[in-house]
Amino acid sequence: VEKLVGKQFEVVACQSMGAMRLIVLIRTKLVNSVSDVRVAVEGTGVGNVGVNKGAVGVSLRVGRQSFCFVNCHLAAHAGHIADRNQDVVQI
């Protein structure tokens, strides 16, 4: 990571599921104020185990402020709106 963003950032969390990735970086000077880092994955593909659909997430606190980052891959096309909505509820 240092080659890409330099020494001013550090990786707080990294989570993946299949081809989905989520990397959370923070400025090095703030790294000591990070707490309660949690990572999660939720598959919503076939049988809820397939890694082709679903989400990865990271939550954390920086000081007293909480953050949650989610990256998801949901069913495509207009005919799958109900499926997407249900997957979001599951995630």
N, C-alpha and C. Protein backbone atom coordinates (compact mmCIF):
# COMPACT_ATOMS: atom_id res chain seq x y z
N VAL A 1 0.83 -1.19 0.00
CA VAL A 1 0.00 0.00 0.00
C VAL A 1 0.87 1.25 0.00
N GLU A 2 1.99 1.20 0.70
CA GLU A 2 2.86 2.37 0.79
C GLU A 2 3.29 2.87 -0.58
N LYS A 3 3.53 1.95 -1.51
CA LYS A 3 3.93 2.36 -2.86
C LYS A 3 2.83 3.15 -3.56
N LEU A 4 1.56 2.84 -3.24
CA LEU A 4 0.44 3.49 -3.90
C LEU A 4 0.03 4.81 -3.27
N VAL A 5 0.00 4.87 -1.93
CA VAL A 5 -0.52 6.06 -1.26
C VAL A 5 0.50 6.77 -0.37
N GLY A 6 1.69 6.20 -0.25
CA GLY A 6 2.71 6.83 0.56
C GLY A 6 2.61 6.46 2.03
N LYS A 7 3.49 7.05 2.81
CA LYS A 7 3.55 6.74 4.24
C LYS A 7 2.49 7.47 5.06
N GLN A 8 1.76 8.41 4.44
CA GLN A 8 0.79 9.17 5.21
C GLN A 8 -0.51 8.42 5.47
N PHE A 9 -0.67 7.20 4.91
CA PHE A 9 -1.86 6.39 5.14
C PHE A 9 -1.48 4.99 5.60
N GLU A 10 -2.35 4.39 6.41
CA GLU A 10 -2.19 3.00 6.85
C GLU A 10 -3.50 2.26 6.62
N VAL A 11 -3.39 0.95 6.40
CA VAL A 11 -4.58 0.11 6.23
C VAL A 11 -5.19 -0.15 7.61
N VAL A 12 -6.47 0.18 7.75
CA VAL A 12 -7.20 -0.10 8.99
C VAL A 12 -7.84 -1.48 8.89
N ALA A 13 -8.42 -1.78 7.72
CA ALA A 13 -9.10 -3.06 7.53
C ALA A 13 -9.13 -3.39 6.04
N CYS A 14 -9.17 -4.68 5.78
CA CYS A 14 -9.26 -5.17 4.41
C CYS A 14 -10.15 -6.41 4.44
N GLN A 15 -11.17 -6.42 3.61
CA GLN A 15 -12.09 -7.55 3.58
C GLN A 15 -12.40 -7.87 2.13
N SER A 16 -12.57 -9.15 1.83
CA SER A 16 -12.92 -9.55 0.47
C SER A 16 -13.85 -10.75 0.48
N MET A 17 -14.57 -10.88 -0.61
CA MET A 17 -15.42 -12.04 -0.85
C MET A 17 -15.46 -12.20 -2.37
N GLY A 18 -14.93 -13.29 -2.85
CA GLY A 18 -14.85 -13.47 -4.29
C GLY A 18 -14.03 -12.34 -4.89
N ALA A 19 -14.60 -11.64 -5.88
CA ALA A 19 -13.90 -10.53 -6.53
C ALA A 19 -14.19 -9.18 -5.87
N MET A 20 -15.05 -9.15 -4.84
CA MET A 20 -15.34 -7.90 -4.13
C MET A 20 -14.24 -7.61 -3.12
N ARG A 21 -13.83 -6.37 -3.06
CA ARG A 21 -12.79 -5.95 -2.13
C ARG A 21 -13.21 -4.65 -1.45
N LEU A 22 -12.78 -4.51 -0.21
CA LEU A 22 -12.99 -3.27 0.52
C LEU A 22 -11.76 -3.04 1.38
N ILE A 23 -11.07 -1.95 1.12
CA ILE A 23 -9.89 -1.59 1.89
C ILE A 23 -10.13 -0.22 2.48
N VAL A 24 -9.99 -0.10 3.79
CA VAL A 24 -10.19 1.17 4.47
C VAL A 24 -8.82 1.66 4.94
N LEU A 25 -8.48 2.87 4.51
CA LEU A 25 -7.21 3.50 4.88
C LEU A 25 -7.48 4.69 5.79
N ILE A 26 -6.52 5.03 6.63
CA ILE A 26 -6.62 6.22 7.47
C ILE A 26 -5.27 6.91 7.51
N ARG A 27 -5.29 8.20 7.69
CA ARG A 27 -4.04 8.93 7.82
C ARG A 27 -3.26 8.39 9.02
N THR A 28 -1.98 8.20 8.84
CA THR A 28 -1.12 7.63 9.87
C THR A 28 -1.25 8.39 11.19
N LYS A 29 -1.36 9.71 11.13
CA LYS A 29 -1.43 10.50 12.35
C LYS A 29 -2.73 10.25 13.14
N LEU A 30 -3.74 9.62 12.52
CA LEU A 30 -5.00 9.33 13.21
C LEU A 30 -5.15 7.87 13.63
N VAL A 31 -4.20 7.03 13.28
CA VAL A 31 -4.35 5.59 13.49
C VAL A 31 -4.56 5.24 14.97
N ASN A 32 -4.00 5.99 15.89
CA ASN A 32 -4.17 5.69 17.31
C ASN A 32 -5.57 6.03 17.82
N SER A 33 -6.35 6.77 17.05
CA SER A 33 -7.71 7.10 17.48
C SER A 33 -8.74 6.14 16.91
N VAL A 34 -8.31 5.11 16.19
CA VAL A 34 -9.22 4.12 15.60
C VAL A 34 -9.49 3.01 16.61
N SER A 35 -10.77 2.64 16.74
CA SER A 35 -11.15 1.54 17.63
C SER A 35 -12.36 0.80 17.07
N ASP A 36 -12.68 -0.29 17.71
CA ASP A 36 -13.87 -1.09 17.37
C ASP A 36 -13.95 -1.45 15.89
N VAL A 37 -12.85 -1.87 15.30
CA VAL A 37 -12.83 -2.25 13.89
C VAL A 37 -13.49 -3.62 13.75
N ARG A 38 -14.47 -3.70 12.88
CA ARG A 38 -15.18 -4.96 12.63
C ARG A 38 -15.33 -5.15 11.12
N VAL A 39 -15.19 -6.38 10.68
CA VAL A 39 -15.35 -6.70 9.26
C VAL A 39 -16.41 -7.79 9.12
N ALA A 40 -17.09 -7.81 7.98
CA ALA A 40 -18.14 -8.80 7.77
C ALA A 40 -18.31 -9.07 6.28
N VAL A 41 -18.81 -10.24 5.98
CA VAL A 41 -19.21 -10.60 4.61
C VAL A 41 -20.61 -11.20 4.68
N GLU A 42 -21.37 -11.01 3.62
CA GLU A 42 -22.71 -11.59 3.54
C GLU A 42 -22.95 -12.01 2.10
N GLY A 43 -23.01 -13.32 1.89
CA GLY A 43 -23.30 -13.84 0.56
C GLY A 43 -24.79 -13.87 0.32
N THR A 44 -25.21 -13.40 -0.84
CA THR A 44 -26.63 -13.44 -1.20
C THR A 44 -26.84 -14.20 -2.51
N GLY A 45 -25.80 -14.85 -2.98
CA GLY A 45 -25.89 -15.60 -4.23
C GLY A 45 -26.68 -16.87 -4.03
N VAL A 46 -26.53 -17.81 -4.93
CA VAL A 46 -27.27 -19.07 -4.89
C VAL A 46 -27.05 -19.75 -3.54
N GLY A 47 -28.13 -20.00 -2.83
CA GLY A 47 -28.06 -20.64 -1.53
C GLY A 47 -27.40 -19.78 -0.46
N ASN A 48 -27.25 -18.50 -0.72
CA ASN A 48 -26.60 -17.55 0.19
C ASN A 48 -25.16 -17.94 0.52
N VAL A 49 -24.57 -18.76 -0.31
CA VAL A 49 -23.17 -19.14 -0.09
C VAL A 49 -22.30 -18.77 -1.28
N GLY A 50 -22.90 -18.52 -2.42
CA GLY A 50 -22.13 -18.15 -3.59
C GLY A 50 -21.46 -16.81 -3.39
N VAL A 51 -20.25 -16.67 -3.91
CA VAL A 51 -19.51 -15.43 -3.72
C VAL A 51 -19.71 -14.45 -4.87
N ASN A 52 -20.63 -14.77 -5.78
CA ASN A 52 -20.85 -13.88 -6.92
C ASN A 52 -21.77 -12.70 -6.58
N LYS A 53 -22.55 -12.80 -5.54
CA LYS A 53 -23.44 -11.72 -5.12
C LYS A 53 -23.35 -11.58 -3.60
N GLY A 54 -23.51 -10.35 -3.13
CA GLY A 54 -23.48 -10.12 -1.69
C GLY A 54 -22.75 -8.84 -1.36
N ALA A 55 -22.16 -8.81 -0.16
CA ALA A 55 -21.51 -7.58 0.29
C ALA A 55 -20.36 -7.87 1.24
N VAL A 56 -19.45 -6.93 1.31
CA VAL A 56 -18.39 -6.92 2.31
C VAL A 56 -18.51 -5.59 3.05
N GLY A 57 -18.19 -5.60 4.33
CA GLY A 57 -18.35 -4.38 5.10
C GLY A 57 -17.28 -4.21 6.16
N VAL A 58 -17.03 -2.97 6.51
CA VAL A 58 -16.10 -2.61 7.58
C VAL A 58 -16.76 -1.50 8.39
N SER A 59 -16.79 -1.66 9.71
CA SER A 59 -17.24 -0.58 10.58
C SER A 59 -16.12 -0.28 11.56
N LEU A 60 -16.07 0.98 12.02
CA LEU A 60 -15.02 1.39 12.94
C LEU A 60 -15.40 2.71 13.60
N ARG A 61 -14.64 3.07 14.61
CA ARG A 61 -14.78 4.36 15.27
C ARG A 61 -13.46 5.11 15.13
N VAL A 62 -13.58 6.39 14.86
CA VAL A 62 -12.42 7.29 14.87
C VAL A 62 -12.78 8.34 15.92
N GLY A 63 -12.12 8.24 17.06
CA GLY A 63 -12.53 9.08 18.18
C GLY A 63 -13.93 8.69 18.60
N ARG A 64 -14.84 9.66 18.63
CA ARG A 64 -16.23 9.38 19.01
C ARG A 64 -17.14 9.20 17.80
N GLN A 65 -16.60 9.34 16.59
CA GLN A 65 -17.39 9.23 15.36
C GLN A 65 -17.34 7.80 14.82
N SER A 66 -18.49 7.24 14.46
CA SER A 66 -18.51 5.89 13.91
C SER A 66 -18.74 5.95 12.40
N PHE A 67 -18.15 4.96 11.71
CA PHE A 67 -18.23 4.87 10.26
C PHE A 67 -18.55 3.44 9.86
N CYS A 68 -19.26 3.29 8.75
CA CYS A 68 -19.53 1.97 8.19
C CYS A 68 -19.39 2.08 6.68
N PHE A 69 -18.57 1.19 6.11
CA PHE A 69 -18.34 1.16 4.67
C PHE A 69 -18.84 -0.19 4.15
N VAL A 70 -19.60 -0.15 3.06
CA VAL A 70 -20.14 -1.37 2.47
C VAL A 70 -19.90 -1.35 0.97
N ASN A 71 -19.44 -2.46 0.44
CA ASN A 71 -19.30 -2.65 -1.00
C ASN A 71 -20.15 -3.86 -1.35
N CYS A 72 -21.03 -3.71 -2.33
CA CYS A 72 -21.90 -4.83 -2.66
C CYS A 72 -22.02 -5.05 -4.17
N HIS A 73 -22.39 -6.26 -4.51
CA HIS A 73 -22.67 -6.64 -5.89
C HIS A 73 -24.04 -7.31 -5.86
N LEU A 74 -25.01 -6.66 -6.48
CA LEU A 74 -26.39 -7.13 -6.44
C LEU A 74 -26.85 -7.57 -7.83
N ALA A 75 -28.00 -8.25 -7.86
CA ALA A 75 -28.57 -8.71 -9.13
C ALA A 75 -28.81 -7.54 -10.07
N ALA A 76 -28.51 -7.74 -11.33
CA ALA A 76 -28.64 -6.68 -12.34
C ALA A 76 -30.01 -6.72 -13.01
N HIS A 77 -30.29 -5.70 -13.79
CA HIS A 77 -31.46 -5.58 -14.68
C HIS A 77 -32.74 -5.20 -13.93
N ALA A 78 -33.61 -4.54 -14.65
CA ALA A 78 -34.84 -4.01 -14.08
C ALA A 78 -35.76 -5.10 -13.52
N GLY A 79 -35.69 -6.28 -14.07
CA GLY A 79 -36.56 -7.37 -13.62
C GLY A 79 -36.19 -7.93 -12.26
N HIS A 80 -35.10 -7.47 -11.68
CA HIS A 80 -34.63 -8.03 -10.41
C HIS A 80 -34.69 -7.02 -9.26
N ILE A 81 -35.55 -6.03 -9.37
CA ILE A 81 -35.63 -5.01 -8.32
C ILE A 81 -36.03 -5.63 -6.98
N ALA A 82 -37.00 -6.50 -6.98
CA ALA A 82 -37.43 -7.15 -5.73
C ALA A 82 -36.29 -7.98 -5.13
N ASP A 83 -35.54 -8.69 -5.99
CA ASP A 83 -34.40 -9.48 -5.51
C ASP A 83 -33.35 -8.58 -4.88
N ARG A 84 -33.04 -7.47 -5.55
CA ARG A 84 -32.04 -6.53 -5.00
C ARG A 84 -32.49 -5.98 -3.66
N ASN A 85 -33.75 -5.59 -3.58
CA ASN A 85 -34.26 -5.04 -2.32
C ASN A 85 -34.18 -6.07 -1.19
N GLN A 86 -34.52 -7.31 -1.50
CA GLN A 86 -34.43 -8.37 -0.49
C GLN A 86 -32.98 -8.62 -0.09
N ASP A 87 -32.07 -8.59 -1.04
CA ASP A 87 -30.66 -8.77 -0.72
C ASP A 87 -30.14 -7.66 0.18
N VAL A 88 -30.59 -6.42 -0.05
CA VAL A 88 -30.16 -5.31 0.80
C VAL A 88 -30.67 -5.52 2.22
N VAL A 89 -31.90 -5.99 2.37
CA VAL A 89 -32.44 -6.28 3.70
C VAL A 89 -31.60 -7.36 4.38
N GLN A 90 -31.23 -8.39 3.63
CA GLN A 90 -30.41 -9.47 4.19
C GLN A 90 -29.03 -8.98 4.59
N ILE A 91 -28.44 -8.14 3.75
CA ILE A 91 -27.09 -7.60 4.03
C ILE A 91 -27.15 -6.76 5.28
